[in-house]
PDB file of N, CA and C in Angstrom:
ATOM      1  N   MET A   1       0.842  -1.180   0.000  1.00  0.00           N
ATOM      2  CA  MET A   1       0.000   0.000   0.000  1.00  0.00           C
ATOM      3  C   MET A   1       0.890   1.247   0.000  1.00  0.00           C
ATOM      4  N   ILE A   2       0.417   2.274  -0.663  1.00  0.00           N
ATOM      5  CA  ILE A   2       1.153   3.530  -0.780  1.00  0.00           C
ATOM      6  C   ILE A   2       0.367   4.613  -0.041  1.00  0.00           C
ATOM      7  N   PRO A   3       0.976   5.227   0.992  1.00  0.00           N
ATOM      8  CA  PRO A   3       0.259   6.279   1.716  1.00  0.00           C
ATOM      9  C   PRO A   3       0.310   7.602   0.944  1.00  0.00           C
ATOM     10  N   LEU A   4      -0.816   8.284   0.862  1.00  0.00           N
ATOM     11  CA  LEU A   4      -0.909   9.601   0.233  1.00  0.00           C
ATOM     12  C   LEU A   4      -1.594  10.554   1.196  1.00  0.00           C
ATOM     13  N   ARG A   5      -1.050  11.771   1.293  1.00  0.00           N
ATOM     14  CA  ARG A   5      -1.730  12.769   2.116  1.00  0.00           C
ATOM     15  C   ARG A   5      -3.033  13.171   1.454  1.00  0.00           C
ATOM     16  N   ARG A   6      -3.972  13.588   2.256  1.00  0.00           N
ATOM     17  CA  ARG A   6      -5.308  13.954   1.786  1.00  0.00           C
ATOM     18  C   ARG A   6      -5.252  14.998   0.665  1.00  0.00           C
ATOM     19  N   ALA A   7      -4.456  16.047   0.826  1.00  0.00           N
ATOM     20  CA  ALA A   7      -4.385  17.118  -0.170  1.00  0.00           C
ATOM     21  C   ALA A   7      -3.820  16.602  -1.493  1.00  0.00           C
ATOM     22  N   ALA A   8      -2.791  15.762  -1.424  1.00  0.00           N
ATOM     23  CA  ALA A   8      -2.187  15.220  -2.642  1.00  0.00           C
ATOM     24  C   ALA A   8      -3.184  14.330  -3.382  1.00  0.00           C
ATOM     25  N   LEU A   9      -3.896  13.505  -2.638  1.00  0.00           N
ATOM     26  CA  LEU A   9      -4.879  12.623  -3.268  1.00  0.00           C
ATOM     27  C   LEU A   9      -6.010  13.428  -3.888  1.00  0.00           C
ATOM     28  N   ALA A  10      -6.445  14.497  -3.216  1.00  0.00           N
ATOM     29  CA  ALA A  10      -7.520  15.326  -3.763  1.00  0.00           C
ATOM     30  C   ALA A  10      -7.095  15.958  -5.089  1.00  0.00           C
ATOM     31  N   ARG A  11      -5.841  16.414  -5.189  1.00  0.00           N
ATOM     32  CA  ARG A  11      -5.351  16.991  -6.459  1.00  0.00           C
ATOM     33  C   ARG A  11      -5.318  15.935  -7.567  1.00  0.00           C
ATOM     34  N   LEU A  12      -4.863  14.735  -7.225  1.00  0.00           N
ATOM     35  CA  LEU A  12      -4.799  13.673  -8.229  1.00  0.00           C
ATOM     36  C   LEU A  12      -6.193  13.225  -8.653  1.00  0.00           C
ATOM     37  N   LEU A  13      -7.135  13.201  -7.729  1.00  0.00           N
ATOM     38  CA  LEU A  13      -8.493  12.767  -8.062  1.00  0.00           C
ATOM     39  C   LEU A  13      -9.184  13.742  -9.008  1.00  0.00           C
ATOM     40  N   ALA A  14      -8.770  15.008  -8.990  1.00  0.00           N
ATOM     41  CA  ALA A  14      -9.387  15.999  -9.882  1.00  0.00           C
ATOM     42  C   ALA A  14      -9.165  15.632 -11.342  1.00  0.00           C
ATOM     43  N   ARG A  15      -8.069  14.924 -11.639  1.00  0.00           N
ATOM     44  CA  ARG A  15      -7.766  14.530 -13.017  1.00  0.00           C
ATOM     45  C   ARG A  15      -7.977  13.041 -13.271  1.00  0.00           C
ATOM     46  N   ALA A  16      -8.419  12.316 -12.269  1.00  0.00           N
ATOM     47  CA  ALA A  16      -8.543  10.862 -12.385  1.00  0.00           C
ATOM     48  C   ALA A  16      -9.779  10.477 -13.179  1.00  0.00           C
ATOM     49  N   PRO A  17      -9.757   9.277 -13.775  1.00  0.00           N
ATOM     50  CA  PRO A  17     -10.963   8.780 -14.439  1.00  0.00           C
ATOM     51  C   PRO A  17     -12.107   8.677 -13.433  1.00  0.00           C
ATOM     52  N   ALA A  18     -13.320   8.851 -13.911  1.00  0.00           N
ATOM     53  CA  ALA A  18     -14.492   8.884 -13.029  1.00  0.00           C
ATOM     54  C   ALA A  18     -14.624   7.591 -12.211  1.00  0.00           C
ATOM     55  N   SER A  19     -14.341   6.458 -12.817  1.00  0.00           N
ATOM     56  CA  SER A  19     -14.495   5.190 -12.090  1.00  0.00           C
ATOM     57  C   SER A  19     -13.517   5.107 -10.921  1.00  0.00           C
ATOM     58  N   LEU A  20     -12.278   5.534 -11.126  1.00  0.00           N
ATOM     59  CA  LEU A  20     -11.283   5.499 -10.058  1.00  0.00           C
ATOM     60  C   LEU A  20     -11.604   6.535  -8.993  1.00  0.00           C
ATOM     61  N   ALA A  21     -12.034   7.717  -9.411  1.00  0.00           N
ATOM     62  CA  ALA A  21     -12.396   8.764  -8.451  1.00  0.00           C
ATOM     63  C   ALA A  21     -13.557   8.307  -7.575  1.00  0.00           C
ATOM     64  N   GLY A  22     -14.545   7.685  -8.174  1.00  0.00           N
ATOM     65  CA  GLY A  22     -15.677   7.188  -7.405  1.00  0.00           C
ATOM     66  C   GLY A  22     -15.281   6.106  -6.424  1.00  0.00           C
ATOM     67  N   GLN A  23     -14.270   5.339  -6.766  1.00  0.00           N
ATOM     68  CA  GLN A  23     -13.803   4.263  -5.898  1.00  0.00           C
ATOM     69  C   GLN A  23     -12.999   4.816  -4.717  1.00  0.00           C
ATOM     70  N   LEU A  24     -12.241   5.900  -4.934  1.00  0.00           N
ATOM     71  CA  LEU A  24     -11.357   6.424  -3.892  1.00  0.00           C
ATOM     72  C   LEU A  24     -11.977   7.520  -3.032  1.00  0.00           C
ATOM     73  N   ARG A  25     -12.967   8.249  -3.544  1.00  0.00           N
ATOM     74  CA  ARG A  25     -13.550   9.364  -2.780  1.00  0.00           C
ATOM     75  C   ARG A  25     -14.092   8.952  -1.413  1.00  0.00           C
ATOM     76  N   PRO A  26     -14.742   7.777  -1.258  1.00  0.00           N
ATOM     77  CA  PRO A  26     -15.235   7.410   0.084  1.00  0.00           C
ATOM     78  C   PRO A  26     -14.122   7.295   1.125  1.00  0.00           C
ATOM     79  N   ARG A  27     -12.882   7.061   0.696  1.00  0.00           N
ATOM     80  CA  ARG A  27     -11.768   6.963   1.643  1.00  0.00           C
ATOM     81  C   ARG A  27     -11.366   8.335   2.195  1.00  0.00           C
ATOM     82  N   LEU A  28     -11.851   9.426   1.589  1.00  0.00           N
ATOM     83  CA  LEU A  28     -11.515  10.779   2.031  1.00  0.00           C
ATOM     84  C   LEU A  28     -12.520  11.279   3.064  1.00  0.00           C
ATOM     85  N   ALA A  29     -12.795  10.490   4.050  1.00  0.00           N
ATOM     86  CA  ALA A  29     -13.739  10.883   5.103  1.00  0.00           C
ATOM     87  C   ALA A  29     -13.168  12.060   5.893  1.00  0.00           C
ATOM     88  N   PRO A  30     -14.021  12.888   6.463  1.00  0.00           N
ATOM     89  CA  PRO A  30     -13.532  14.007   7.282  1.00  0.00           C
ATOM     90  C   PRO A  30     -12.638  13.506   8.417  1.00  0.00           C
ATOM     91  N   GLY A  31     -11.547  14.205   8.631  1.00  0.00           N
ATOM     92  CA  GLY A  31     -10.617  13.835   9.690  1.00  0.00           C
ATOM     93  C   GLY A  31      -9.529  12.879   9.249  1.00  0.00           C
ATOM     94  N   VAL A  32      -9.645  12.284   8.063  1.00  0.00           N
ATOM     95  CA  VAL A  32      -8.625  11.371   7.555  1.00  0.00           C
ATOM     96  C   VAL A  32      -7.535  12.203   6.886  1.00  0.00           C
ATOM     97  N   GLU A  33      -6.300  12.068   7.363  1.00  0.00           N
ATOM     98  CA  GLU A  33      -5.194  12.843   6.799  1.00  0.00           C
ATOM     99  C   GLU A  33      -4.362  12.036   5.803  1.00  0.00           C
ATOM    100  N   VAL A  34      -4.284  10.711   5.985  1.00  0.00           N
ATOM    101  CA  VAL A  34      -3.488   9.857   5.100  1.00  0.00           C
ATOM    102  C   VAL A  34      -4.383   8.733   4.588  1.00  0.00           C
ATOM    103  N   VAL A  35      -4.353   8.545   3.265  1.00  0.00           N
ATOM    104  CA  VAL A  35      -5.134   7.484   2.627  1.00  0.00           C
ATOM    105  C   VAL A  35      -4.156   6.537   1.958  1.00  0.00           C
ATOM    106  N   GLU A  36      -4.359   5.235   2.140  1.00  0.00           N
ATOM    107  CA  GLU A  36      -3.495   4.255   1.495  1.00  0.00           C
ATOM    108  C   GLU A  36      -4.161   3.758   0.217  1.00  0.00           C
ATOM    109  N   VAL A  37      -3.372   3.735  -0.855  1.00  0.00           N
ATOM    110  CA  VAL A  37      -3.858   3.246  -2.148  1.00  0.00           C
ATOM    111  C   VAL A  37      -2.966   2.093  -2.585  1.00  0.00           C
ATOM    112  N   THR A  38      -3.510   1.221  -3.411  1.00  0.00           N
ATOM    113  CA  THR A  38      -2.721   0.104  -3.924  1.00  0.00           C
ATOM    114  C   THR A  38      -1.778   0.624  -5.005  1.00  0.00           C
ATOM    115  N   PRO A  39      -0.719  -0.120  -5.309  1.00  0.00           N
ATOM    116  CA  PRO A  39       0.191   0.303  -6.386  1.00  0.00           C
ATOM    117  C   PRO A  39      -0.532   0.495  -7.722  1.00  0.00           C
ATOM    118  N   GLU A  40      -1.516  -0.343  -8.026  1.00  0.00           N
ATOM    119  CA  GLU A  40      -2.255  -0.204  -9.281  1.00  0.00           C
ATOM    120  C   GLU A  40      -3.077   1.085  -9.293  1.00  0.00           C
ATOM    121  N   GLU A  41      -3.729   1.409  -8.178  1.00  0.00           N
ATOM    122  CA  GLU A  41      -4.485   2.661  -8.098  1.00  0.00           C
ATOM    123  C   GLU A  41      -3.561   3.858  -8.246  1.00  0.00           C
ATOM    124  N   PHE A  42      -2.385   3.778  -7.629  1.00  0.00           N
ATOM    125  CA  PHE A  42      -1.418   4.877  -7.730  1.00  0.00           C
ATOM    126  C   PHE A  42      -0.975   5.072  -9.181  1.00  0.00           C
ATOM    127  N   ARG A  43      -0.687   3.984  -9.875  1.00  0.00           N
ATOM    128  CA  ARG A  43      -0.286   4.077 -11.298  1.00  0.00           C
ATOM    129  C   ARG A  43      -1.385   4.736 -12.126  1.00  0.00           C
ATOM    130  N   GLN A  44      -2.628   4.376 -11.863  1.00  0.00           N
ATOM    131  CA  GLN A  44      -3.737   4.989 -12.602  1.00  0.00           C
ATOM    132  C   GLN A  44      -3.858   6.474 -12.295  1.00  0.00           C
ATOM    133  N   LEU A  45      -3.602   6.854 -11.053  1.00  0.00           N
ATOM    134  CA  LEU A  45      -3.689   8.266 -10.675  1.00  0.00           C
ATOM    135  C   LEU A  45      -2.615   9.114 -11.361  1.00  0.00           C
ATOM    136  N   VAL A  46      -1.376   8.639 -11.343  1.00  0.00           N
ATOM    137  CA  VAL A  46      -0.288   9.461 -11.886  1.00  0.00           C
ATOM    138  C   VAL A  46      -0.151   9.332 -13.399  1.00  0.00           C
ATOM    139  N   SER A  47      -0.753   8.333 -14.004  1.00  0.00           N
ATOM    140  CA  SER A  47      -0.639   8.177 -15.456  1.00  0.00           C
ATOM    141  C   SER A  47      -1.418   9.255 -16.205  1.00  0.00           C
ATOM    142  N   ARG A  48      -2.316   9.965 -15.532  1.00  0.00           N
ATOM    143  CA  ARG A  48      -3.119  11.001 -16.170  1.00  0.00           C
ATOM    144  C   ARG A  48      -2.389  12.342 -16.250  1.00  0.00           C
ATOM    145  N   ARG A  49      -1.201  12.448 -15.678  1.00  0.00           N
ATOM    146  CA  ARG A  49      -0.454  13.692 -15.723  1.00  0.00           C
ATOM    147  C   ARG A  49       0.021  13.970 -17.144  1.00  0.00           C
ATOM    148  N   ALA A  50       0.149  15.241 -17.456  1.00  0.00           N
ATOM    149  CA  ALA A  50       0.642  15.633 -18.776  1.00  0.00           C
ATOM    150  C   ALA A  50       2.121  15.252 -18.887  1.00  0.00           C
ATOM    151  N   PRO A  51       2.533  14.750 -20.043  1.00  0.00           N
ATOM    152  CA  PRO A  51       3.943  14.402 -20.214  1.00  0.00           C
ATOM    153  C   PRO A  51       4.810  15.654 -20.173  1.00  0.00           C
ATOM    154  N   ARG A  52       6.000  15.509 -19.612  1.00  0.00           N
ATOM    155  CA  ARG A  52       6.919  16.633 -19.505  1.00  0.00           C
ATOM    156  C   ARG A  52       8.234  16.249 -20.135  1.00  0.00           C
ATOM    157  N   GLY A  53       8.698  17.086 -21.057  1.00  0.00           N
ATOM    158  CA  GLY A  53       9.998  16.886 -21.675  1.00  0.00           C
ATOM    159  C   GLY A  53      11.078  17.583 -20.865  1.00  0.00           C
ATOM    160  N   LEU A  54      12.310  17.487 -21.342  1.00  0.00           N
ATOM    161  CA  LEU A  54      13.435  18.096 -20.648  1.00  0.00           C
ATOM    162  C   LEU A  54      13.277  19.610 -20.545  1.00  0.00           C
ATOM    163  N   GLY A  55      12.737  20.238 -21.575  1.00  0.00           N
ATOM    164  CA  GLY A  55      12.544  21.689 -21.553  1.00  0.00           C
ATOM    165  C   GLY A  55      11.602  22.125 -20.445  1.00  0.00           C
ATOM    166  N   ASP A  56      10.561  21.335 -20.178  1.00  0.00           N
ATOM    167  CA  ASP A  56       9.630  21.661 -19.093  1.00  0.00           C
ATOM    168  C   ASP A  56      10.313  21.556 -17.734  1.00  0.00           C
ATOM    169  N   TRP A  57      11.173  20.541 -17.576  1.00  0.00           N
ATOM    170  CA  TRP A  57      11.895  20.387 -16.316  1.00  0.00           C
ATOM    171  C   TRP A  57      12.858  21.555 -16.104  1.00  0.00           C
ATOM    172  N   VAL A  58      13.600  21.914 -17.149  1.00  0.00           N
ATOM    173  CA  VAL A  58      14.545  23.030 -17.037  1.00  0.00           C
ATOM    174  C   VAL A  58      13.796  24.330 -16.765  1.00  0.00           C
ATOM    175  N   ALA A  59      12.692  24.548 -17.453  1.00  0.00           N
ATOM    176  CA  ALA A  59      11.896  25.767 -17.235  1.00  0.00           C
ATOM    177  C   ALA A  59      11.361  25.819 -15.813  1.00  0.00           C
ATOM    178  N   GLY A  60      10.997  24.682 -15.260  1.00  0.00           N
ATOM    179  CA  GLY A  60      10.520  24.646 -13.880  1.00  0.00           C
ATOM    180  C   GLY A  60      11.570  25.109 -12.885  1.00  0.00           C
ATOM    181  N   LEU A  61      12.837  24.844 -13.199  1.00  0.00           N
ATOM    182  CA  LEU A  61      13.924  25.291 -12.332  1.00  0.00           C
ATOM    183  C   LEU A  61      14.349  26.722 -12.643  1.00  0.00           C
ATOM    184  N   ALA A  62      14.375  27.078 -13.918  1.00  0.00           N
ATOM    185  CA  ALA A  62      14.929  28.370 -14.324  1.00  0.00           C
ATOM    186  C   ALA A  62      13.929  29.524 -14.242  1.00  0.00           C
ATOM    187  N   THR A  63      12.644  29.264 -14.396  1.00  0.00           N
ATOM    188  CA  THR A  63      11.660  30.346 -14.409  1.00  0.00           C
ATOM    189  C   THR A  63      11.633  31.144 -13.102  1.00  0.00           C
ATOM    190  N   PRO A  64      11.654  30.513 -11.928  1.00  0.00           N
ATOM    191  CA  PRO A  64      11.686  31.322 -10.703  1.00  0.00           C
ATOM    192  C   PRO A  64      12.946  32.190 -10.602  1.00  0.00           C
ATOM    193  N   ILE A  65      14.062  31.686 -11.104  1.00  0.00           N
ATOM    194  CA  ILE A  65      15.303  32.460 -11.086  1.00  0.00           C
ATOM    195  C   ILE A  65      15.177  33.641 -12.037  1.00  0.00           C
ATOM    196  N   ALA A  66      14.658  33.388 -13.231  1.00  0.00           N
ATOM    197  CA  ALA A  66      14.476  34.468 -14.211  1.00  0.00           C
ATOM    198  C   ALA A  66      13.493  35.516 -13.682  1.00  0.00           C
ATOM    199  N   ARG A  67      12.466  35.080 -12.980  1.00  0.00           N
ATOM    200  CA  ARG A  67      11.500  36.013 -12.404  1.00  0.00           C
ATOM    201  C   ARG A  67      12.164  36.888 -11.348  1.00  0.00           C
ATOM    202  N   ALA A  68      12.996  36.277 -10.498  1.00  0.00           N
ATOM    203  CA  ALA A  68      13.684  37.030  -9.442  1.00  0.00           C
ATOM    204  C   ALA A  68      14.671  38.039 -10.029  1.00  0.00           C
ATOM    205  N   LEU A  69      15.295  37.672 -11.140  1.00  0.00           N
ATOM    206  CA  LEU A  69      16.249  38.574 -11.797  1.00  0.00           C
ATOM    207  C   LEU A  69      15.564  39.566 -12.727  1.00  0.00           C
ATOM    208  N   ARG A  70      14.236  39.470 -12.831  1.00  0.00           N
ATOM    209  CA  ARG A  70      13.427  40.335 -13.697  1.00  0.00           C
ATOM    210  C   ARG A  70      13.925  40.313 -15.158  1.00  0.00           C
ATOM    211  N   LEU A  71      14.185  39.114 -15.644  1.00  0.00           N
ATOM    212  CA  LEU A  71      14.620  38.957 -17.030  1.00  0.00           C
ATOM    213  C   LEU A  71      13.441  39.184 -17.971  1.00  0.00           C
ATOM    214  N   PRO A  72      13.701  39.669 -19.185  1.00  0.00           N
ATOM    215  CA  PRO A  72      12.603  39.997 -20.094  1.00  0.00           C
ATOM    216  C   PRO A  72      11.868  38.791 -20.675  1.00  0.00           C
ATOM    217  N   CYS A  73      12.317  37.577 -20.402  1.00  0.00           N
ATOM    218  CA  CYS A  73      11.623  36.411 -20.955  1.00  0.00           C
ATOM    219  C   CYS A  73      10.373  36.057 -20.154  1.00  0.00           C
ATOM    220  N   ILE A  74      10.159  36.695 -19.001  1.00  0.00           N
ATOM    221  CA  ILE A  74       8.994  36.436 -18.162  1.00  0.00           C
ATOM    222  C   ILE A  74       7.971  37.549 -18.360  1.00  0.00           C
ATOM    223  N   ASP A  75       6.737  37.173 -18.630  1.00  0.00           N
ATOM    224  CA  ASP A  75       5.653  38.153 -18.767  1.00  0.00           C
ATOM    225  C   ASP A  75       5.189  38.538 -17.364  1.00  0.00           C
ATOM    226  N   PRO A  76       5.312  39.813 -16.962  1.00  0.00           N
ATOM    227  CA  PRO A  76       4.929  40.191 -15.598  1.00  0.00           C
ATOM    228  C   PRO A  76       3.440  40.021 -15.312  1.00  0.00           C
ATOM    229  N   ALA A  77       2.613  40.052 -16.342  1.00  0.00           N
ATOM    230  CA  ALA A  77       1.167  39.902 -16.133  1.00  0.00           C
ATOM    231  C   ALA A  77       0.789  38.461 -15.772  1.00  0.00           C
ATOM    232  N   THR A  78       1.477  37.485 -16.373  1.00  0.00           N
ATOM    233  CA  THR A  78       1.118  36.082 -16.145  1.00  0.00           C
ATOM    234  C   THR A  78       2.159  35.303 -15.356  1.00  0.00           C
ATOM    235  N   ASN A  79       3.368  35.852 -15.187  1.00  0.00           N
ATOM    236  CA  ASN A  79       4.485  35.172 -14.522  1.00  0.00           C
ATOM    237  C   ASN A  79       4.889  33.891 -15.250  1.00  0.00           C
ATOM    238  N   GLN A  80       4.615  33.819 -16.538  1.00  0.00           N
ATOM    239  CA  GLN A  80       4.990  32.672 -17.355  1.00  0.00           C
ATOM    240  C   GLN A  80       5.963  33.129 -18.442  1.00  0.00           C
ATOM    241  N   LEU A  81       6.580  32.166 -19.115  1.00  0.00           N
ATOM    242  CA  LEU A  81       7.475  32.512 -20.220  1.00  0.00           C
ATOM    243  C   LEU A  81       6.688  33.174 -21.345  1.00  0.00           C
ATOM    244  N   ARG A  82       7.264  34.229 -21.907  1.00  0.00           N
ATOM    245  CA  ARG A  82       6.649  34.845 -23.085  1.00  0.00           C
ATOM    246  C   ARG A  82       6.875  33.908 -24.268  1.00  0.00           C
ATOM    247  N   PRO A  83       5.840  33.615 -25.039  1.00  0.00           N
ATOM    248  CA  PRO A  83       5.981  32.653 -26.145  1.00  0.00           C
ATOM    249  C   PRO A  83       7.025  33.067 -27.173  1.00  0.00           C
ATOM    250  N   GLU A  84       7.216  34.377 -27.377  1.00  0.00           N
ATOM    251  CA  GLU A  84       8.164  34.842 -28.393  1.00  0.00           C
ATOM    252  C   GLU A  84       9.588  34.974 -27.861  1.00  0.00           C
ATOM    253  N   SER A  85       9.804  34.723 -26.565  1.00  0.00           N
ATOM    254  CA  SER A  85      11.127  34.915 -25.968  1.00  0.00           C
ATOM    255  C   SER A  85      12.076  33.784 -26.345  1.00  0.00           C
ATOM    256  N   GLY A  86      13.351  34.063 -26.229  1.00  0.00           N
ATOM    257  CA  GLY A  86      14.371  33.049 -26.478  1.00  0.00           C
ATOM    258  C   GLY A  86      14.270  31.904 -25.485  1.00  0.00           C
ATOM    259  N   CYS A  87      13.870  32.231 -24.258  1.00  0.00           N
ATOM    260  CA  CYS A  87      13.728  31.182 -23.234  1.00  0.00           C
ATOM    261  C   CYS A  87      12.669  30.156 -23.651  1.00  0.00           C
ATOM    262  N   ALA A  88      11.534  30.639 -24.144  1.00  0.00           N
ATOM    263  CA  ALA A  88      10.460  29.735 -24.575  1.00  0.00           C
ATOM    264  C   ALA A  88      10.882  28.924 -25.794  1.00  0.00           C
ATOM    265  N   LYS A  89      11.651  29.547 -26.676  1.00  0.00           N
ATOM    266  CA  LYS A  89      12.128  28.815 -27.863  1.00  0.00           C
ATOM    267  C   LYS A  89      13.095  27.710 -27.465  1.00  0.00           C
ATOM    268  N   ARG A  90      13.964  27.983 -26.487  1.00  0.00           N
ATOM    269  CA  ARG A  90      14.887  26.947 -26.015  1.00  0.00           C
ATOM    270  C   ARG A  90      14.127  25.831 -25.302  1.00  0.00           C
ATOM    271  N   GLN A  91      13.093  26.198 -24.554  1.00  0.00           N
ATOM    272  CA  GLN A  91      12.266  25.192 -23.883  1.00  0.00           C
ATOM    273  C   GLN A  91      11.623  24.268 -24.925  1.00  0.00           C
ATOM    274  N   ALA A  92      11.071  24.849 -25.970  1.00  0.00           N
ATOM    275  CA  ALA A  92      10.430  24.049 -27.021  1.00  0.00           C
ATOM    276  C   ALA A  92      11.450  23.152 -27.731  1.00  0.00           C
ATOM    277  N   ALA A  93      12.650  23.689 -27.961  1.00  0.00           N
ATOM    278  CA  ALA A  93      13.693  22.893 -28.631  1.00  0.00           C
ATOM    279  C   ALA A  93      14.107  21.708 -27.759  1.00  0.00           C
ATOM    280  N   LEU A  94      14.266  21.941 -26.461  1.00  0.00           N
ATOM    281  CA  LEU A  94      14.618  20.837 -25.562  1.00  0.00           C
ATOM    282  C   LEU A  94      13.497  19.802 -25.491  1.00  0.00           C
ATOM    283  N   ASN A  95      12.255  20.263 -25.463  1.00  0.00           N
ATOM    284  CA  ASN A  95      11.126  19.322 -25.438  1.00  0.00           C
ATOM    285  C   ASN A  95      11.074  18.493 -26.713  1.00  0.00           C
ATOM    286  N   LYS A  96      11.417  19.099 -27.833  1.00  0.00           N
ATOM    287  CA  LYS A  96      11.400  18.378 -29.104  1.00  0.00           C
ATOM    288  C   LYS A  96      12.547  17.363 -29.158  1.00  0.00           C
ATOM    289  N   ALA A  97      13.731  17.765 -28.689  1.00  0.00           N
ATOM    290  CA  ALA A  97      14.898  16.896 -28.739  1.00  0.00           C
ATOM    291  C   ALA A  97      14.825  15.785 -27.694  1.00  0.00           C
ATOM    292  N   PHE A  98      14.270  16.096 -26.518  1.00  0.00           N
ATOM    293  CA  PHE A  98      14.204  15.142 -25.413  1.00  0.00           C
ATOM    294  C   PHE A  98      12.794  15.079 -24.850  1.00  0.00           C
ATOM    295  N   PRO A  99      11.857  14.438 -25.559  1.00  0.00           N
ATOM    296  CA  PRO A  99      10.486  14.344 -25.056  1.00  0.00           C
ATOM    297  C   PRO A  99      10.425  13.427 -23.841  1.00  0.00           C
ATOM    298  N   SER A 100       9.278  13.452 -23.185  1.00  0.00           N
ATOM    299  CA  SER A 100       9.120  12.586 -22.005  1.00  0.00           C
ATOM    300  C   SER A 100       9.134  11.138 -22.427  1.00  0.00           C
ATOM    301  N   ALA A 101       9.479  10.294 -21.478  1.00  0.00           N
ATOM    302  CA  ALA A 101       9.576   8.859 -21.776  1.00  0.00           C
ATOM    303  C   ALA A 101       8.231   8.201 -21.788  1.00  0.00           C
TER     304      ALA A 101
END
């Protein structure tokens, strides 16, 4: 069995297939902080995540640094990479060269 905190399981259930969500929701009773799921249920929960390439991983590390340094590749309105910036182009190139497994 794999223990999951209530908040983590709730986030995963938001994207889970309806049948799995219906099966796991009764385990989220009030006052329960940790829910145990089987390895198969866990695989089904995390398999619904969007695939991430190398560029997404690098952007996840570099974007907060670029934001702190106020680099022009970050849009101040959205706090995300500007699509026309060199940073976004490098992210796309890395994702194309090294897609998720």
